[in-house]
Structure formats: structure tokens, C-alpha cells
Amino acid sequence: MDAKAETATEPLTLRRIVFIAVACSAFMVVGPMLILVNKLILSGRSGHDDGFPYPIMLSSMGLGASSVAARVLVHALGWASISDSTRAAVGGPLKWMKTIAPAGVLMAVALGTGNASYLYLGVGMIQILKSSTPVLVLSGLVLSGVEAPSRPVILSVLLITVGTVLTVGPGGGGDAMSAYGLALFFLSSSAEATRLVMTQRLLTNVSFTVTEGQYYLSPPGFACLALCALFLEVPDALSSGRLANALLHQGPMFLLSTLLGIIVNFLGYFVIQTAGSLTMKILGTLRNVALVAYAVVVLGEIVLPREALGYLVTLFGFAGYSTFFRPSGASKKEERDPGSAGASHGTTKPLLPSHSPKAHQSFQSGREGSDFRYGEGAQAEASSGPSARGNGGREKGLQQRGGS
């Protein structure tokens, strides 16, 4: 019996229910934990000068670890493999320079600037702004001729745009937020959107698994970040003694951040395989809302009424976008990573329908309304893992009630 037949007939067993519950619970917890751990690394403890304000170095550590982890899974442990179709699509110097190298550089830009934005904007505000990501992605797909959106999708994107303007426009949060922080955030989102569009356009017949994405994209992304950090951050980190101090006093935190960044890359994939991509989008949205609430209640960040209204409008728009958007190049095949849940726990049937767009499912979170870009995201959820990384305790623009 083939995999599709097994998927269609497999009952909802207790084992499957438990695995789905574990995967979804971990997805809800690990991403926010990564954000808060990185927030503590970047900004330090409240009242202490022990922060590590070098987001490019932090991002490079995450991508470097992801690159090593992918090779260990493939070559040392044999738990995952690189398919022949993927090797053929990206093999050779010319193909690598045309596809993998630019995608890796764009990933580096997205991660580095995304992490840097947490130095100037609060955790809650960035979660709100992340909901505007579909506007940039769809715009890129339309301008490149990849997509012709339907009317419901256009209306949903217009709602997202209106919500974003309400949040950051004059009279809203934009008056209190750092213009530099906003520029970094939208540069990060634009780089991620460009990477997704370029990947979908150039790799039309390839659907990367999570491991393949890490295997091929992490090395050039790491090289780009490491080179930038060498000139922009390392000299100051060495002269100020912050690097030595961080390694001496925050070593376990760096290790935890790296491990969470690797784990978060696979969690989104597990949720898609067991519960469906629609479930992951719903959980990702709920997770962002929870992070906004946490930022207000625990971190003391202030969300103005107009910002809250803008976020609500954006969420409605994102719900419509998630419901109606169907990429024209959607891949019908299932993910095929031997190290995945499907291999170790048997083929499973998603709880909700799973739409499988290549650039939006395999490793997009796009950072994710779902926050599962490459690794979450964007990111994510973004890395020391692809999901969002946090600071936000010392943002210059967003007011706070109390220290972070």
C-alpha cells in the first residue's frame, strides 16, 4: 500500500493524537522561548550591563549550527537524505551561483536585520508588524509574474495594509517607534519576501525539505553574516570586552539559543505533517497574539488603542489571506525527509486540510503570520534560528511600563 493510501485510511489512534498534541504544544512554546532567550542575550538583564548587542554575530551562530546539524543528520547519522531531484536542481557551480548563493545571502540579510530590529522595537510591536508580511510576499509574486491573485486575496491584503498603516502611521505607534527600527524590520521582511519569490521562480520543480533547506542555504548565509560581523561587530565586541564577558557568563544561554533555533526549524514541519499547514497557520497566529499579550503584561510594553485596532484589522486580513491564497505552483507531493515525523512515526493524516505551496510550506514561515520562514521564520522564529529573535527591552521608541 502506498503512502497516499495509508494517509487516507489511517484511523485517529491514541498514538497519533498524542504525537499531534506534543508537536503542536512544542510549536507553541519553543518559538516564543527562542525569542525571549535571544532577548535576554541581546539586551541583558534589567539593571545590568551584560547585554550582547551584536545581532549579526548571534544570527551567524544560529546559521552555522544549522549548517552543521544538517550535515550530521545526512552524513553522520543517516536520518535524512538529499533527494536526487534536489541535487540535480542545485548542483554545479553555475546553478549554485544562480539559486543557492543569492537565496543564502537574502536569508542572511533577513536574519541579521530582523534580529537588529529588536534592539529598537519591542517584542510585542514586532509580532504585530509581522502580520504585514503577506503584503510584501504577494506583491513580489505579482510583480514577478508568478501569481495572479483572486479578488478575495486582494481584499485580504488590503485589510492587512490598512491595519499596518493604523499601527505605524501618524497618530499611531509610528509616532513613538524608532524609524531606524522600522526600517530594519521592513528591510528584513522585504529580504525574506524576495527570497521566497526568487526560490519559487527559480526552483519551480523543487520542494526542499527542512533538512535540505538547512543543508544548502545555511552555509552561504553563514558566510555572509560572518563576513559582515567581522567588520561591523567583532572589533567593538573585542575592544569592549563584551564578547569575552558573554562567553564567560552567558555561555549556557548561547547554547540554549542555538539548540532552540535548530529545533524550531523542524517543529513547523512536524506540525504540517501531522496536523496540516492550516493548523500551523492558526497556531502561529495564536502564538503571535500570545506574545503580544506577554509583552504587554510581563515586559511592560504599551500597546496604544490605535495599535491594537490596527492589529485586529491585520489579523482579519491575514485570516482571509490564509484561507483564500493558493499558490499557482503549489506542489502536490508530501515532504520526504526520512528524519521527519512521517518516517519515525508512520504516515499520518492531517487534522485540517494541508495546502502545500513550495515556497510557503517547505521552510517558510514565514517568520512567519505563521512565523515559520526558514526555521521559523523568519523563522522565524527566526536563528539563532530562523524565527524571530528578541531584544525589545531597550527599544528607543516604544514606551514601556517597567524594565524588561
Foldseek 3Di string as FASTA:
>chain_A
DDLVVCAVPPDCDPVLVVLLVVLLVCLLPLLVVLQVLLQCQAANDPPDPQHDVQQLVQFLLLLVLLQVVLCCCVPVVNLWHDDPLNCVQQPDPVSVVQAQLLLLQLLLLLRSLLQNLQQAAALLVLLLVLLLLVLLLVVLCVVVVQDDDDPLLVVLNVLLVQLNCLQQPPPHLVVQGDPSSVVSNVSSSNSLSNSLNSCCVSVLPDFDALSRCSNRNSVSNSVNSVVCCVPPPVVCCVVVVSVVSCCVPVVVSSVSSLVSQNVLLQSLVQNCQSAANVVLLVSLLVSSVVSSVCCCPPQFFDHDPSNVVSSVSSVSSSVSNSVRDARPSWDPDRDDTSNHCCNPPNGYHHNDYHTGRRSCRNQPQPVHNSQRHSSRHVVDSCVCHYHGHHHRQNHRGTDGDDGD
